[in-house]
Amino acid sequence: MITTAPLPPLSHLLGLGRPLHPLLDPWQETANQAWWLSRSCWSLAILARALGHRLGHPPRVALPAWICGQSLMPLRATGAVLEFLPVDQNGLAQWSAADHPDMVVAVHTFGRPVPLAEAATTAPFLVEDCAHALVPGCGMGEVGDAAIFSPHKVLGLSEGAVLTLAPKAGNDVTTSVENLLMALPPTASDNRWRIKRLIQTMMPDRLRRRLPPVGQPAHDRDPEGGDPPPLCAPSPLATQLTRKADIGREAARRRANALALRRALGGTDGVTPFFREDGPAPYRFVLQARDPAHAAHLYHRLREARLPVESWPDLPPEVMAAPSRFGCALDLRRRLLLLPVHGALAPCYATLYAEALHGA
């Protein structure tokens, strides 16, 4: 069945298969320390608290305006002062606009590396947000003081995030992070998640059209707000699925699926790929419509066909309230459409998207 969320292999959901690697090995190549926690939204909060211990006050944090607002809720709760920076039409932050931050967050959006040279000189502490990246490499998660990854977004897990620290982060920050993440409470049961994924994995795709469309009802609608998921230790199931994940195969399948969509959707009126090439392990295949109205129209067409499609992100309220300063971030939010490329998708799925969009 075509889904937005990645699906683990059926055998893994049933408890079969053998581990392919120690739990954190895929993310620990460029760092001396790595921690396993529930969700990546907590990683920024943990880093802010640790840096605050060094500074004696909550840090000033500079972030690109083109960022998911809900994911910043735990960071806001630390008392950190958030400064959002304008981005250009490609989503790249204008670091020169920052006002002496203590920490900068460079976001490798959709698993594509962004330039880091200017970000690295903007503040004493550089965090690479690699939540859309599969693993470190290709310019992601390799040069920052810290990096955050979100395996639950890219490997089909109920939860699971990785926070890494490089030696230059300092022993004091490392000790603070260690103390903050010590003895995390266990996660709630993920039996419902497992059952849902089992159904999706076994359900024939021909039944998809009989189901209600998933996701937001309109392109310009954001998910409803709510409390972030609790900070806890990932479940034994999430840990087992992570150790069994074939990282190389997932990356190859994502590249192949993105290429299939690129070829199938070539020539579609009023929409072009946002990136010229797809990168090492694309998070989504991203299309840019000629204007917001056409993006909304294409979004509606895909939902009518019961094909998964997303818009991104729910921008922070500070960004929404200042369109003259953050015009490019708002334009990207209104014109981009995201299509799934995860490794569990059937090889022929790209043709279904082409049929729905050609002539739209």
Protein backbone atom coordinates (compact mmCIF):
# COMPACT_ATOMS: atom_id res chain seq x y z
CA MET A 1 0.00 0.00 0.00
CA ILE A 2 1.27 3.50 -0.86
CA THR A 3 1.82 5.39 2.39
CA THR A 4 3.46 8.60 3.51
CA ALA A 5 5.14 6.98 6.50
CA PRO A 6 7.93 4.46 5.88
CA LEU A 7 6.95 0.84 6.46
CA PRO A 8 9.33 -1.70 8.01
CA PRO A 9 9.55 -5.12 6.36
CA LEU A 10 6.74 -7.42 7.41
CA SER A 11 9.22 -9.93 8.80
CA HIS A 12 10.67 -7.28 11.11
CA LEU A 13 7.22 -6.30 12.38
CA LEU A 14 6.65 -9.97 13.17
CA GLY A 15 9.88 -10.14 15.16
CA LEU A 16 11.87 -12.05 12.54
CA GLY A 17 15.21 -11.16 10.95
CA ARG A 18 18.60 -10.59 12.48
CA PRO A 19 20.32 -7.37 13.58
CA LEU A 20 22.59 -5.86 10.93
CA HIS A 21 24.50 -3.40 13.11
CA PRO A 22 24.89 -2.19 16.71
CA LEU A 23 22.14 0.28 17.56
CA LEU A 24 23.90 3.63 17.11
CA ASP A 25 26.74 2.66 14.76
CA PRO A 26 25.21 4.22 11.60
CA TRP A 27 25.09 7.65 13.29
CA GLN A 28 28.27 7.55 15.35
CA GLU A 29 30.89 7.65 12.61
CA THR A 30 31.74 11.34 13.01
CA ALA A 31 31.05 11.84 16.72
CA ASN A 32 32.55 10.68 19.96
CA GLN A 33 29.22 10.42 21.76
CA ALA A 34 25.71 9.43 20.72
CA TRP A 35 22.44 9.09 22.62
CA TRP A 36 19.21 7.26 21.80
CA LEU A 37 15.95 9.02 22.72
CA SER A 38 12.33 9.12 21.63
CA ARG A 39 11.91 12.13 19.33
CA SER A 40 14.30 14.60 17.71
CA CYS A 41 12.25 17.61 18.87
CA TRP A 42 13.71 16.99 22.32
CA SER A 43 17.30 17.00 21.07
CA LEU A 44 17.37 20.78 20.53
CA ALA A 45 15.90 21.32 23.99
CA ILE A 46 18.53 19.07 25.57
CA LEU A 47 21.30 20.97 23.77
CA ALA A 48 19.87 24.34 24.81
CA ARG A 49 19.76 23.25 28.45
CA ALA A 50 23.29 21.89 28.29
CA LEU A 51 24.61 25.08 26.68
CA GLY A 52 22.66 27.11 29.23
CA HIS A 53 24.55 25.36 32.01
CA ARG A 54 27.79 26.58 30.43
CA LEU A 55 26.55 30.14 29.88
CA GLY A 56 24.66 30.57 33.12
CA HIS A 57 21.51 31.61 31.24
CA PRO A 58 19.27 30.26 28.47
CA PRO A 59 21.02 30.60 25.11
CA ARG A 60 20.07 32.80 22.20
CA VAL A 61 19.38 30.45 19.29
CA ALA A 62 19.36 31.44 15.60
CA LEU A 63 17.31 29.29 13.21
CA PRO A 64 16.16 29.56 9.60
CA ALA A 65 12.61 30.89 9.25
CA TRP A 66 11.77 27.94 6.99
CA ILE A 67 11.39 25.40 9.78
CA CYS A 68 8.69 23.33 11.44
CA GLY A 69 7.11 25.38 14.21
CA GLN A 70 5.65 22.52 16.27
CA SER A 71 9.02 20.81 16.52
CA LEU A 72 10.35 23.81 18.46
CA MET A 73 7.94 23.49 21.39
CA PRO A 74 10.39 21.70 23.74
CA LEU A 75 13.12 24.20 22.79
CA ARG A 76 10.85 27.14 23.63
CA ALA A 77 10.07 25.57 27.01
CA THR A 78 13.74 25.85 28.02
CA GLY A 79 13.52 29.64 28.00
CA ALA A 80 15.89 29.91 25.03
CA VAL A 81 15.54 33.11 23.00
CA LEU A 82 14.66 32.14 19.43
CA GLU A 83 15.77 34.34 16.54
CA PHE A 84 14.39 33.42 13.12
CA LEU A 85 16.47 34.39 10.10
CA PRO A 86 15.19 35.16 6.59
CA VAL A 87 15.83 32.56 3.90
CA ASP A 88 16.26 32.98 0.17
CA GLN A 89 14.16 31.38 -2.58
CA ASN A 90 16.13 28.14 -2.13
CA GLY A 91 15.44 28.01 1.60
CA LEU A 92 19.00 28.94 2.61
CA ALA A 93 19.32 31.00 5.78
CA GLN A 94 20.83 34.48 5.71
CA TRP A 95 23.23 33.97 8.61
CA SER A 96 24.56 37.52 8.38
CA ALA A 97 21.22 38.71 9.79
CA ALA A 98 21.83 36.95 13.13
CA ASP A 99 22.30 39.09 16.24
CA HIS A 100 25.16 37.45 18.14
CA PRO A 101 23.51 34.11 18.92
CA ASP A 102 25.02 31.56 21.28
CA MET A 103 23.86 28.67 19.10
CA VAL A 104 22.86 28.32 15.45
CA VAL A 105 20.78 25.53 13.98
CA ALA A 106 21.50 24.70 10.33
CA VAL A 107 18.73 22.54 8.87
CA HIS A 108 19.49 20.02 6.13
CA THR A 109 15.92 20.22 4.85
CA PHE A 110 14.58 17.17 2.99
CA GLY A 111 17.91 15.40 3.48
CA ARG A 112 19.86 17.81 1.26
CA PRO A 113 23.09 19.35 2.63
CA VAL A 114 23.16 23.11 3.11
CA PRO A 115 26.35 25.22 3.14
CA LEU A 116 27.80 25.43 6.65
CA ALA A 117 30.83 27.71 6.39
CA GLU A 118 28.97 30.91 7.30
CA ALA A 119 26.76 29.21 9.88
CA ALA A 120 29.85 27.84 11.63
CA THR A 121 31.22 31.36 12.16
CA THR A 122 27.91 32.91 13.25
CA ALA A 123 27.88 31.45 16.78
CA PRO A 124 30.21 29.50 19.08
CA PHE A 125 28.01 26.39 18.91
CA LEU A 126 26.74 24.86 15.65
CA VAL A 127 23.94 22.30 15.59
CA GLU A 128 23.22 20.39 12.39
CA ASP A 129 19.55 19.43 12.19
CA CYS A 130 19.69 16.23 10.16
CA ALA A 131 16.18 15.04 11.04
CA HIS A 132 15.44 14.52 7.32
CA ALA A 133 18.75 12.74 6.63
CA LEU A 134 19.22 9.00 6.85
CA VAL A 135 22.73 8.98 8.33
CA PRO A 136 25.76 11.32 8.50
CA GLY A 137 27.70 11.94 5.31
CA CYS A 138 27.74 13.99 2.12
CA GLY A 139 28.07 17.24 4.08
CA MET A 140 25.50 16.43 6.77
CA GLY A 141 26.26 15.73 10.42
CA GLU A 142 30.00 15.99 9.90
CA VAL A 143 31.19 19.45 11.00
CA GLY A 144 28.85 20.72 13.73
CA ASP A 145 29.40 20.64 17.47
CA ALA A 146 26.22 18.57 17.59
CA ALA A 147 23.91 16.81 15.16
CA ILE A 148 20.39 15.50 15.53
CA PHE A 149 18.86 12.65 13.54
CA SER A 150 15.35 11.24 13.45
CA PRO A 151 15.37 7.55 12.44
CA HIS A 152 11.66 7.27 13.23
CA LYS A 153 10.95 9.59 10.28
CA VAL A 154 13.04 7.72 7.73
CA LEU A 155 13.14 4.08 8.83
CA GLY A 156 9.55 3.38 9.84
CA LEU A 157 9.80 3.32 13.64
CA SER A 158 7.27 4.11 16.35
CA GLU A 159 9.85 6.47 17.79
CA GLY A 160 13.60 6.91 17.77
CA ALA A 161 16.02 9.83 17.61
CA VAL A 162 19.79 10.14 17.81
CA LEU A 163 21.73 13.05 19.29
CA THR A 164 25.47 13.17 18.60
CA LEU A 165 28.22 15.40 19.99
CA ALA A 166 31.62 15.99 18.43
CA PRO A 167 34.71 16.40 20.65
CA LYS A 168 34.74 20.17 20.10
CA ALA A 169 31.37 20.47 21.86
CA GLY A 170 33.31 20.34 25.11
CA ASN A 171 33.34 18.04 28.10
CA ASP A 172 30.98 20.29 30.05
CA VAL A 173 28.25 20.10 27.39
CA THR A 174 28.80 16.36 26.99
CA THR A 175 28.43 15.83 30.74
CA SER A 176 25.29 17.97 30.87
CA VAL A 177 23.70 16.04 28.00
CA GLU A 178 24.62 12.75 29.65
CA ASN A 179 22.97 13.84 32.90
CA LEU A 180 19.85 15.16 31.17
CA LEU A 181 19.34 11.93 29.24
CA MET A 182 20.16 9.59 32.09
CA ALA A 183 17.50 7.04 33.06
CA LEU A 184 14.76 8.13 30.66
CA PRO A 185 11.32 6.69 31.49
CA PRO A 186 10.07 3.87 29.27
CA THR A 187 7.82 4.70 26.35
CA ALA A 188 4.14 3.89 26.29
CA SER A 189 3.06 0.73 24.49
CA ASP A 190 3.48 0.87 20.71
CA ASN A 191 1.16 -2.07 20.04
CA ARG A 192 -1.32 0.17 18.20
CA TRP A 193 1.48 1.47 15.99
CA ARG A 194 2.61 -2.09 15.20
CA ILE A 195 -0.94 -3.20 14.33
CA LYS A 196 -1.47 -0.20 12.05
CA ARG A 197 1.79 -0.84 10.21
CA LEU A 198 0.98 -4.55 9.86
CA ILE A 199 -2.35 -3.66 8.25
CA GLN A 200 -0.72 -1.13 5.90
CA THR A 201 2.02 -3.57 4.93
CA MET A 202 -0.37 -6.41 4.12
CA MET A 203 -3.19 -4.38 2.55
CA PRO A 204 -3.31 -4.53 -1.29
CA ASP A 205 -2.88 -1.10 -2.83
CA ARG A 206 -6.08 -1.54 -4.86
CA LEU A 207 -8.01 -0.96 -1.61
CA ARG A 208 -6.42 2.46 -1.11
CA ARG A 209 -9.10 4.24 -3.18
CA ARG A 210 -11.79 2.95 -0.82
CA LEU A 211 -10.16 4.60 2.18
CA PRO A 212 -10.57 8.24 3.22
CA PRO A 213 -7.66 10.49 2.20
CA VAL A 214 -4.96 10.96 4.80
CA GLY A 215 -3.23 14.14 5.92
CA GLN A 216 -4.46 17.71 5.94
CA PRO A 217 -7.63 18.42 3.92
CA ALA A 218 -6.12 21.41 2.10
CA HIS A 219 -2.63 22.47 1.06
CA ASP A 220 -2.67 25.58 3.24
CA ARG A 221 -3.88 23.78 6.38
CA ASP A 222 -1.40 23.00 9.14
CA PRO A 223 -1.71 20.15 11.64
CA GLU A 224 -3.56 21.04 14.80
CA GLY A 225 -1.30 22.05 17.65
CA GLY A 226 -0.88 19.99 20.78
CA ASP A 227 1.63 18.91 23.36
CA PRO A 228 4.82 17.32 22.04
CA PRO A 229 5.31 13.60 22.62
CA PRO A 230 6.97 12.95 25.98
CA LEU A 231 10.71 12.58 26.37
CA CYS A 232 11.33 8.91 27.00
CA ALA A 233 13.43 5.94 25.99
CA PRO A 234 12.40 4.31 22.70
CA SER A 235 10.57 1.02 22.99
CA PRO A 236 12.22 -2.39 22.58
CA LEU A 237 10.36 -2.70 19.26
CA ALA A 238 11.80 0.58 17.95
CA THR A 239 15.26 -0.51 19.07
CA GLN A 240 14.93 -3.91 17.35
CA LEU A 241 13.66 -2.37 14.11
CA THR A 242 16.54 0.10 14.07
CA ARG A 243 19.18 -2.60 14.53
CA LYS A 244 17.61 -4.63 11.70
CA ALA A 245 17.29 -1.72 9.27
CA ASP A 246 19.29 -2.07 6.06
CA ILE A 247 20.52 1.52 5.77
CA GLY A 248 22.22 1.06 2.40
CA ARG A 249 19.16 -0.55 0.83
CA GLU A 250 16.87 2.18 2.16
CA ALA A 251 19.11 4.89 0.70
CA ALA A 252 19.25 3.15 -2.68
CA ARG A 253 15.47 2.64 -2.79
CA ARG A 254 14.86 6.29 -1.93
CA ARG A 255 17.14 7.43 -4.74
CA ALA A 256 15.47 5.05 -7.19
CA ASN A 257 11.97 6.16 -6.21
CA ALA A 258 12.85 9.83 -6.45
CA LEU A 259 14.35 9.25 -9.90
CA ALA A 260 11.21 7.37 -10.99
CA LEU A 261 9.03 10.30 -9.91
CA ARG A 262 11.36 12.78 -11.59
CA ARG A 263 11.03 10.90 -14.89
CA ALA A 264 7.31 10.17 -14.58
CA LEU A 265 6.38 13.76 -13.72
CA GLY A 266 8.65 15.43 -16.26
CA GLY A 267 6.68 17.86 -18.37
CA THR A 268 3.81 18.21 -15.90
CA ASP A 269 2.35 21.65 -16.47
CA GLY A 270 3.02 24.31 -13.86
CA VAL A 271 5.27 22.30 -11.57
CA THR A 272 8.99 21.48 -11.45
CA PRO A 273 11.28 19.53 -9.10
CA PHE A 274 12.54 21.79 -6.32
CA PHE A 275 16.01 20.21 -6.42
CA ARG A 276 18.08 19.60 -9.55
CA GLU A 277 19.19 16.22 -8.22
CA ASP A 278 17.95 14.03 -5.43
CA GLY A 279 20.90 13.59 -3.08
CA PRO A 280 22.15 10.55 -1.15
CA ALA A 281 18.83 9.51 0.46
CA PRO A 282 15.98 11.95 -0.27
CA TYR A 283 13.41 12.45 2.48
CA ARG A 284 10.63 13.34 0.03
CA PHE A 285 10.40 14.17 -3.66
CA VAL A 286 9.67 17.89 -3.61
CA LEU A 287 7.72 19.69 -6.33
CA GLN A 288 7.39 23.46 -6.67
CA ALA A 289 4.20 24.78 -8.24
CA ARG A 290 4.13 27.99 -10.28
CA ASP A 291 1.92 29.68 -7.67
CA PRO A 292 0.01 28.86 -4.46
CA ALA A 293 -3.29 28.36 -6.27
CA HIS A 294 -1.79 25.71 -8.56
CA ALA A 295 -0.13 24.00 -5.59
CA ALA A 296 -3.52 23.82 -3.88
CA HIS A 297 -5.10 22.43 -7.07
CA LEU A 298 -2.48 19.68 -7.47
CA TYR A 299 -2.73 18.83 -3.78
CA HIS A 300 -6.49 18.39 -4.20
CA ARG A 301 -6.02 16.22 -7.31
CA LEU A 302 -3.71 13.86 -5.48
CA ARG A 303 -6.01 13.60 -2.48
CA GLU A 304 -8.92 12.81 -4.79
CA ALA A 305 -6.80 9.98 -6.22
CA ARG A 306 -6.08 8.83 -2.64
CA LEU A 307 -2.37 9.33 -3.22
CA PRO A 308 -0.33 10.58 -0.25
CA VAL A 309 0.84 14.19 -0.54
CA GLU A 310 2.05 16.71 2.04
CA SER A 311 2.76 20.39 2.45
CA TRP A 312 5.54 21.60 4.75
CA PRO A 313 6.15 23.12 7.24
CA ASP A 314 3.83 24.64 9.83
CA LEU A 315 5.85 27.83 10.13
CA PRO A 316 6.55 29.44 13.53
CA PRO A 317 4.07 32.20 14.49
CA GLU A 318 6.86 34.79 14.46
CA VAL A 319 7.44 33.98 10.78
CA MET A 320 3.76 34.01 9.85
CA ALA A 321 3.37 37.42 11.50
CA ALA A 322 6.15 39.11 9.50
CA PRO A 323 5.55 38.48 5.76
CA SER A 324 7.71 41.40 4.65
CA ARG A 325 10.76 39.91 6.41
CA PHE A 326 10.05 36.25 5.76
CA GLY A 327 8.46 36.38 2.32
CA CYS A 328 10.58 33.59 0.83
CA ALA A 329 9.78 31.19 3.68
CA LEU A 330 6.08 31.90 3.26
CA ASP A 331 6.30 31.45 -0.52
CA LEU A 332 8.01 28.08 -0.14
CA ARG A 333 5.34 26.95 2.31
CA ARG A 334 2.60 27.91 -0.16
CA ARG A 335 4.11 26.42 -3.33
CA LEU A 336 5.80 23.13 -2.40
CA LEU A 337 4.29 19.65 -2.50
CA LEU A 338 5.95 16.59 -0.98
CA LEU A 339 5.60 13.06 -2.36
CA PRO A 340 6.78 9.88 -0.58
CA VAL A 341 9.92 8.04 -1.70
CA HIS A 342 10.58 5.59 1.15
CA GLY A 343 11.94 2.15 0.44
CA ALA A 344 8.74 0.17 1.01
CA LEU A 345 6.94 1.68 -2.00
CA ALA A 346 6.16 -0.52 -5.01
CA PRO A 347 8.30 0.19 -8.10
CA CYS A 348 5.32 1.19 -10.25
CA TYR A 349 3.86 3.78 -7.89
CA ALA A 350 5.34 6.76 -9.76
CA THR A 351 3.04 6.12 -12.72
CA LEU A 352 0.00 6.60 -10.48
CA TYR A 353 1.21 10.08 -9.55
CA ALA A 354 1.84 10.88 -13.21
CA GLU A 355 -1.68 9.79 -14.15
CA ALA A 356 -3.16 12.00 -11.44
CA LEU A 357 -1.11 15.10 -12.27
CA HIS A 358 -0.69 15.11 -16.05
CA GLY A 359 -3.22 17.46 -17.51
CA ALA A 360 -4.11 18.88 -14.09
